[in-house]
Amino acid sequence: MSLDIETIIDRRRLKRRLSLWRIAALVALGLAIIAFLPSSGLSPVGDHVARVTVSGIIVDDRAQQQLIREIGEDDSVKALMLYIDSPGGTTTGSEALFETVREVSETKPVVAVLGTVAASGGYIAALSADHIVSRGNTITGSIGVFFQLTQLTGLMETIGVDVDYVRSGDLKAQPNPYQDPPKEAIASTQAMVDASYDWFLDLVVDRRGLKEETARTLSDGRIYTGFQALENGLVDAIGGEEVARNWLFDEHEVEQELPTEEWAVYDETGFGLISSDATANFIVSVLSSVGEKTIAAKGLTLDGLVSVWQPDRR
């Protein structure tokens, strides 16, 4: 009986030792993972160039703006690279993004790299950079503002539906899709669009160093390839990230050996991760895609003045 008791005690001691070893192994594994993360890009440690991707429809994204401000305050970030692949979005959202990036430019060099499309509000984002690099066949330009109005009066007449209003003023709720807009409403809306267009035009003049007459000629809403944009002074160079890094080195002595780390906000699922590893990006993007608005869905929610390029579907 006593032997059985001693055996049980020994076994319990052995289990405790094994448990301690298991805990130690888990701690060691955790430390190894932490040590590995910088090389995989999940948590950048040390000096680096921060890359922020601006893609899809641009809206007033406070989480992204906060991320960019954090980049500006991080001493380990030696430069900011904007990778832009966007047809634009709301004029207000583009304005907010522009102003936020310009804040960062006060302490760090900023370079923009244009992807497939960087038009309208996407070009506003590019103007926030100190240097713009475009692919030769990037779609860019589309400098302008518009207010989109859907007219349903013909449909309503067909189905026999009418909408009436009690207004505080003749221009309240004008223009609207249920009535032919009066000339005064069109004139008022046109004045608003013109004011925003003048603001956009001033950005082009100021940021690209163009004469107003030249900028106005270029800013009639047309799109350009990257090659055409370079010829017209709307971008600075043709190429990709390598060309952008060369400029950062030549003009600001940002070492070529420094890694480029992706800074991104995955706020749809509560992830606030910084990621440059392709596998990690894929996993997090899949997780964050649950419930995420698609570009098309965001487009349906655009309201107010819009700076966005899209092919005419007529």
Protein backbone atom coordinates (compact mmCIF):
# COMPACT_ATOMS: atom_id res chain seq x y z
CA MET A 1 0.00 0.00 0.00
CA SER A 2 2.81 2.35 0.93
CA LEU A 3 4.46 1.57 -2.40
CA ASP A 4 1.33 2.60 -4.22
CA ILE A 5 1.22 5.89 -2.32
CA GLU A 6 4.88 6.61 -3.10
CA THR A 7 4.26 5.78 -6.74
CA ILE A 8 1.31 8.15 -6.87
CA ILE A 9 3.38 10.92 -5.26
CA ASP A 10 6.21 10.37 -7.74
CA ARG A 11 3.81 10.48 -10.64
CA ARG A 12 2.34 13.74 -9.38
CA ARG A 13 5.82 15.23 -9.05
CA LEU A 14 6.60 14.10 -12.57
CA LYS A 15 3.40 15.72 -13.88
CA ARG A 16 4.33 18.98 -12.16
CA ARG A 17 7.78 18.89 -13.74
CA LEU A 18 6.25 18.17 -17.13
CA SER A 19 3.76 21.02 -16.69
CA LEU A 20 6.59 23.39 -15.84
CA TRP A 21 8.52 22.28 -18.91
CA ARG A 22 5.44 22.72 -21.05
CA ILE A 23 4.93 26.25 -19.74
CA ALA A 24 8.59 27.01 -20.33
CA ALA A 25 8.33 25.65 -23.86
CA LEU A 26 5.27 27.79 -24.57
CA VAL A 27 7.04 30.87 -23.22
CA ALA A 28 10.08 30.09 -25.36
CA LEU A 29 7.83 29.59 -28.38
CA GLY A 30 6.13 32.92 -27.72
CA LEU A 31 9.48 34.69 -27.46
CA ALA A 32 10.62 33.03 -30.68
CA ILE A 33 7.47 34.21 -32.46
CA ILE A 34 7.98 37.75 -31.20
CA ALA A 35 11.59 37.62 -32.39
CA PHE A 36 10.42 36.35 -35.78
CA LEU A 37 7.70 38.95 -36.33
CA PRO A 38 9.93 41.84 -37.40
CA SER A 39 11.41 39.75 -40.22
CA SER A 40 7.96 38.69 -41.36
CA GLY A 41 6.67 42.25 -41.21
CA LEU A 42 3.83 41.86 -38.70
CA SER A 43 5.18 44.43 -36.31
CA PRO A 44 7.87 46.65 -37.79
CA VAL A 45 10.74 47.28 -35.42
CA GLY A 46 13.52 49.66 -36.28
CA ASP A 47 13.86 52.27 -38.97
CA HIS A 48 11.74 51.74 -42.08
CA VAL A 49 9.67 53.39 -44.82
CA ALA A 50 5.95 53.23 -44.10
CA ARG A 51 3.65 52.32 -46.97
CA VAL A 52 -0.05 53.21 -46.82
CA THR A 53 -2.32 51.83 -49.54
CA VAL A 54 -5.18 54.05 -50.69
CA SER A 55 -7.52 51.83 -52.69
CA GLY A 56 -11.15 51.69 -53.71
CA ILE A 57 -13.60 54.50 -53.08
CA ILE A 58 -12.16 57.29 -50.94
CA VAL A 59 -14.40 58.42 -48.11
CA ASP A 60 -13.81 60.39 -44.90
CA ASP A 61 -11.92 57.56 -43.15
CA ARG A 62 -10.98 58.71 -39.66
CA ALA A 63 -9.23 55.44 -38.82
CA GLN A 64 -6.94 55.79 -41.81
CA GLN A 65 -6.28 59.44 -41.00
CA GLN A 66 -5.32 58.49 -37.44
CA LEU A 67 -2.99 55.79 -38.76
CA ILE A 68 -1.26 58.34 -41.02
CA ARG A 69 -0.88 60.75 -38.09
CA GLU A 70 0.72 57.94 -36.06
CA ILE A 71 3.18 57.43 -38.90
CA GLY A 72 4.07 61.11 -38.67
CA GLU A 73 4.73 60.77 -34.93
CA ASP A 74 6.77 57.55 -35.18
CA ASP A 75 10.51 58.29 -35.12
CA SER A 76 11.31 54.89 -36.65
CA VAL A 77 9.47 55.89 -39.84
CA LYS A 78 11.87 57.73 -42.12
CA ALA A 79 9.46 58.38 -44.99
CA LEU A 80 5.86 57.79 -46.06
CA MET A 81 4.99 56.09 -49.32
CA LEU A 82 1.41 56.28 -50.58
CA TYR A 83 0.42 53.51 -52.95
CA ILE A 84 -2.72 54.78 -54.70
CA ASP A 85 -5.10 52.59 -56.68
CA SER A 86 -8.38 54.49 -56.57
CA PRO A 87 -10.83 56.14 -58.97
CA GLY A 88 -11.57 58.74 -56.28
CA GLY A 89 -14.58 59.24 -54.07
CA THR A 90 -16.14 62.03 -52.08
CA THR A 91 -14.50 65.42 -52.40
CA THR A 92 -14.60 65.85 -48.63
CA GLY A 93 -12.95 62.48 -48.01
CA SER A 94 -10.21 63.31 -50.52
CA GLU A 95 -9.72 66.71 -48.88
CA ALA A 96 -9.36 65.15 -45.42
CA LEU A 97 -6.84 62.61 -46.71
CA PHE A 98 -4.86 65.35 -48.47
CA GLU A 99 -4.67 67.51 -45.35
CA THR A 100 -3.63 64.58 -43.14
CA VAL A 101 -0.78 63.58 -45.44
CA ARG A 102 0.38 67.18 -45.67
CA GLU A 103 0.67 67.20 -41.88
CA VAL A 104 3.06 64.25 -42.10
CA SER A 105 5.06 65.98 -44.85
CA GLU A 106 6.10 68.65 -42.35
CA THR A 107 8.37 66.11 -40.63
CA LYS A 108 8.91 63.31 -43.19
CA PRO A 109 9.29 63.07 -46.98
CA VAL A 110 6.21 61.73 -48.76
CA VAL A 111 6.20 59.99 -52.12
CA ALA A 112 3.19 58.67 -54.05
CA VAL A 113 3.22 55.60 -56.29
CA LEU A 114 0.24 55.34 -58.64
CA GLY A 115 -1.20 51.94 -59.51
CA THR A 116 -3.82 51.00 -62.09
CA VAL A 117 -6.04 54.02 -61.43
CA ALA A 118 -5.33 57.22 -59.51
CA ALA A 119 -7.94 59.59 -60.87
CA SER A 120 -10.03 62.46 -59.53
CA GLY A 121 -10.01 62.08 -55.73
CA GLY A 122 -7.21 59.55 -56.19
CA TYR A 123 -5.20 62.29 -57.88
CA ILE A 124 -6.01 64.64 -54.99
CA ALA A 125 -4.38 62.04 -52.74
CA ALA A 126 -1.36 61.97 -55.06
CA LEU A 127 -1.07 65.76 -54.87
CA SER A 128 -0.49 65.45 -51.13
CA ALA A 129 2.90 63.85 -51.84
CA ASP A 130 6.16 65.69 -52.45
CA HIS A 131 6.90 63.48 -55.46
CA ILE A 132 4.56 61.45 -57.71
CA VAL A 133 5.64 58.27 -59.50
CA SER A 134 3.23 56.75 -62.01
CA ARG A 135 3.17 53.68 -64.18
CA GLY A 136 3.22 54.56 -67.84
CA ASN A 137 -0.28 53.20 -68.36
CA THR A 138 -1.83 54.32 -65.08
CA ILE A 139 -5.19 56.03 -65.55
CA THR A 140 -4.92 59.39 -63.83
CA GLY A 141 -6.19 62.95 -64.10
CA SER A 142 -9.99 63.34 -64.25
CA ILE A 143 -9.53 66.63 -62.43
CA GLY A 144 -12.96 67.92 -61.56
CA VAL A 145 -16.05 67.71 -59.35
CA PHE A 146 -19.63 66.70 -60.05
CA PHE A 147 -22.97 66.38 -58.32
CA GLN A 148 -24.97 63.41 -59.54
CA LEU A 149 -28.77 63.69 -59.76
CA THR A 150 -31.08 60.85 -60.69
CA GLN A 151 -34.34 61.89 -62.36
CA LEU A 152 -37.38 59.66 -61.73
CA THR A 153 -40.09 61.99 -63.01
CA GLY A 154 -40.74 59.99 -66.19
CA LEU A 155 -41.03 56.74 -64.26
CA MET A 156 -43.35 58.33 -61.70
CA GLU A 157 -45.63 59.66 -64.42
CA THR A 158 -45.79 56.19 -65.95
CA ILE A 159 -46.81 54.50 -62.71
CA GLY A 160 -49.01 57.39 -61.58
CA VAL A 161 -47.12 58.50 -58.46
CA ASP A 162 -46.58 62.09 -57.38
CA VAL A 163 -44.58 63.60 -54.50
CA ASP A 164 -45.40 66.97 -53.00
CA TYR A 165 -43.54 69.07 -50.44
CA VAL A 166 -44.13 71.65 -47.75
CA ARG A 167 -40.92 73.68 -47.81
CA SER A 168 -39.33 76.36 -45.69
CA GLY A 169 -37.86 77.84 -48.88
CA ASP A 170 -38.01 77.35 -52.63
CA LEU A 171 -34.56 75.75 -52.78
CA LYS A 172 -35.02 73.40 -49.81
CA ALA A 173 -34.65 69.74 -50.98
CA GLN A 174 -33.61 70.93 -54.44
CA PRO A 175 -32.61 69.42 -56.74
CA ASN A 176 -34.37 66.14 -56.05
CA PRO A 177 -35.16 63.08 -58.19
CA TYR A 178 -38.95 63.45 -57.94
CA GLN A 179 -39.36 66.82 -59.67
CA ASP A 180 -37.82 68.62 -62.60
CA PRO A 181 -35.36 70.95 -60.87
CA PRO A 182 -36.01 74.67 -61.30
CA LYS A 183 -33.34 76.81 -62.92
CA GLU A 184 -32.53 78.42 -59.56
CA ALA A 185 -31.73 75.00 -58.04
CA ILE A 186 -29.46 74.07 -60.94
CA ALA A 187 -27.70 77.44 -60.70
CA SER A 188 -27.20 77.03 -56.95
CA THR A 189 -25.80 73.53 -57.35
CA GLN A 190 -23.56 74.64 -60.20
CA ALA A 191 -22.13 77.40 -58.00
CA MET A 192 -21.32 74.84 -55.32
CA VAL A 193 -19.63 72.55 -57.85
CA ASP A 194 -17.68 75.48 -59.29
CA ALA A 195 -16.41 76.46 -55.83
CA SER A 196 -15.15 72.94 -55.17
CA TYR A 197 -13.63 72.75 -58.64
CA ASP A 198 -11.75 76.01 -58.00
CA TRP A 199 -10.38 74.45 -54.81
CA PHE A 200 -9.24 71.36 -56.74
CA LEU A 201 -7.73 73.54 -59.47
CA ASP A 202 -5.81 75.60 -56.89
CA LEU A 203 -4.33 72.35 -55.54
CA VAL A 204 -3.07 71.45 -59.00
CA VAL A 205 -1.60 74.93 -59.52
CA ASP A 206 0.07 75.00 -56.10
CA ARG A 207 1.29 71.42 -55.84
CA ARG A 208 2.40 70.99 -59.46
CA GLY A 209 3.77 74.48 -59.99
CA LEU A 210 1.65 75.09 -63.08
CA LYS A 211 0.26 78.34 -64.39
CA GLU A 212 -3.48 78.64 -63.77
CA GLU A 213 -4.26 78.81 -67.48
CA THR A 214 -2.30 75.62 -68.13
CA ALA A 215 -3.83 73.86 -65.14
CA ARG A 216 -7.34 74.86 -66.20
CA THR A 217 -6.75 73.45 -69.67
CA LEU A 218 -5.58 70.15 -68.17
CA SER A 219 -8.39 70.11 -65.61
CA ASP A 220 -11.40 69.69 -67.88
CA GLY A 221 -12.21 66.25 -66.48
CA ARG A 222 -10.33 64.17 -69.04
CA ILE A 223 -8.16 61.23 -68.03
CA TYR A 224 -4.50 60.71 -68.92
CA THR A 225 -2.08 57.83 -69.06
CA GLY A 226 0.96 58.11 -66.87
CA PHE A 227 3.05 58.94 -69.94
CA GLN A 228 0.69 61.80 -70.84
CA ALA A 229 0.58 62.99 -67.24
CA LEU A 230 4.37 63.18 -67.18
CA GLU A 231 4.42 65.22 -70.39
CA ASN A 232 1.88 67.64 -68.91
CA GLY A 233 3.60 68.01 -65.55
CA LEU A 234 0.97 66.17 -63.51
CA VAL A 235 3.45 63.53 -62.27
CA ASP A 236 7.21 63.52 -61.76
CA ALA A 237 8.45 60.13 -62.95
CA ILE A 238 7.48 56.85 -64.59
CA GLY A 239 8.00 53.66 -62.63
CA GLY A 240 7.08 51.92 -59.40
CA GLU A 241 8.29 51.63 -55.83
CA GLU A 242 11.92 51.21 -56.85
CA VAL A 243 11.86 54.60 -58.56
CA ALA A 244 10.15 56.07 -55.49
CA ARG A 245 12.83 54.65 -53.19
CA ASN A 246 15.56 56.03 -55.47
CA TRP A 247 14.02 59.50 -55.12
CA LEU A 248 13.84 59.15 -51.33
CA PHE A 249 17.54 58.24 -51.29
CA ASP A 250 18.67 60.92 -53.73
CA GLU A 251 16.65 63.78 -52.26
CA HIS A 252 16.32 62.85 -48.59
CA GLU A 253 19.08 60.28 -47.93
CA VAL A 254 16.60 57.60 -46.90
CA GLU A 255 18.77 54.50 -47.10
CA GLN A 256 17.89 51.93 -49.74
CA GLU A 257 18.53 49.12 -47.24
CA LEU A 258 15.65 50.21 -45.02
CA PRO A 259 12.63 47.90 -45.37
CA THR A 260 9.30 49.14 -46.65
CA GLU A 261 6.60 48.14 -44.17
CA GLU A 262 2.86 48.18 -44.87
CA TRP A 263 0.79 50.11 -42.35
CA ALA A 264 -2.89 49.25 -42.58
CA VAL A 265 -6.05 49.57 -40.53
CA TYR A 266 -8.33 46.55 -40.37
CA ASP A 267 -11.06 48.22 -38.37
CA GLU A 268 -13.96 46.11 -39.67
CA THR A 269 -13.06 43.27 -37.29
CA GLY A 270 -11.19 45.20 -34.64
CA PHE A 271 -7.74 44.31 -35.98
CA GLY A 272 -5.27 47.16 -35.72
CA LEU A 273 -2.40 45.36 -37.39
CA ILE A 274 0.61 46.62 -39.23
CA SER A 275 1.49 44.09 -41.88
CA SER A 276 3.85 43.75 -44.80
CA ASP A 277 4.08 39.97 -45.01
CA ALA A 278 2.06 38.59 -47.93
CA THR A 279 0.71 35.60 -46.00
CA ALA A 280 -0.18 37.70 -42.99
CA ASN A 281 -1.87 40.26 -45.21
CA PHE A 282 -3.93 37.53 -46.87
CA ILE A 283 -5.07 36.01 -43.57
CA VAL A 284 -5.98 39.34 -41.99
CA SER A 285 -7.70 40.60 -45.12
CA VAL A 286 -9.86 37.46 -45.24
CA LEU A 287 -10.81 37.90 -41.60
CA SER A 288 -11.49 41.60 -42.02
CA SER A 289 -13.58 41.05 -45.13
CA VAL A 290 -16.47 39.70 -43.09
CA GLY A 291 -19.12 42.41 -43.23
CA GLU A 292 -16.83 44.77 -45.11
CA LYS A 293 -18.39 47.15 -47.60
CA THR A 294 -17.50 46.37 -51.17
CA ILE A 295 -16.37 49.12 -53.51
CA ALA A 296 -19.73 48.94 -55.23
CA ALA A 297 -21.58 49.24 -51.93
CA LYS A 298 -19.48 52.23 -50.93
CA GLY A 299 -20.21 53.79 -54.29
CA LEU A 300 -23.92 53.51 -53.63
CA THR A 301 -23.51 55.44 -50.38
CA LEU A 302 -21.63 58.38 -51.89
CA ASP A 303 -23.45 61.61 -51.20
CA GLY A 304 -22.76 65.26 -51.80
CA LEU A 305 -19.97 66.46 -54.09
CA VAL A 306 -18.01 63.66 -55.70
CA SER A 307 -14.53 63.52 -57.20
CA VAL A 308 -14.51 60.10 -58.81
CA TRP A 309 -13.74 58.73 -62.25
CA GLN A 310 -15.85 55.99 -63.78
CA PRO A 311 -16.43 55.01 -67.41
CA ASP A 312 -19.69 56.28 -68.94
CA ARG A 313 -22.10 53.33 -68.90
CA ARG A 314 -24.56 54.76 -71.40
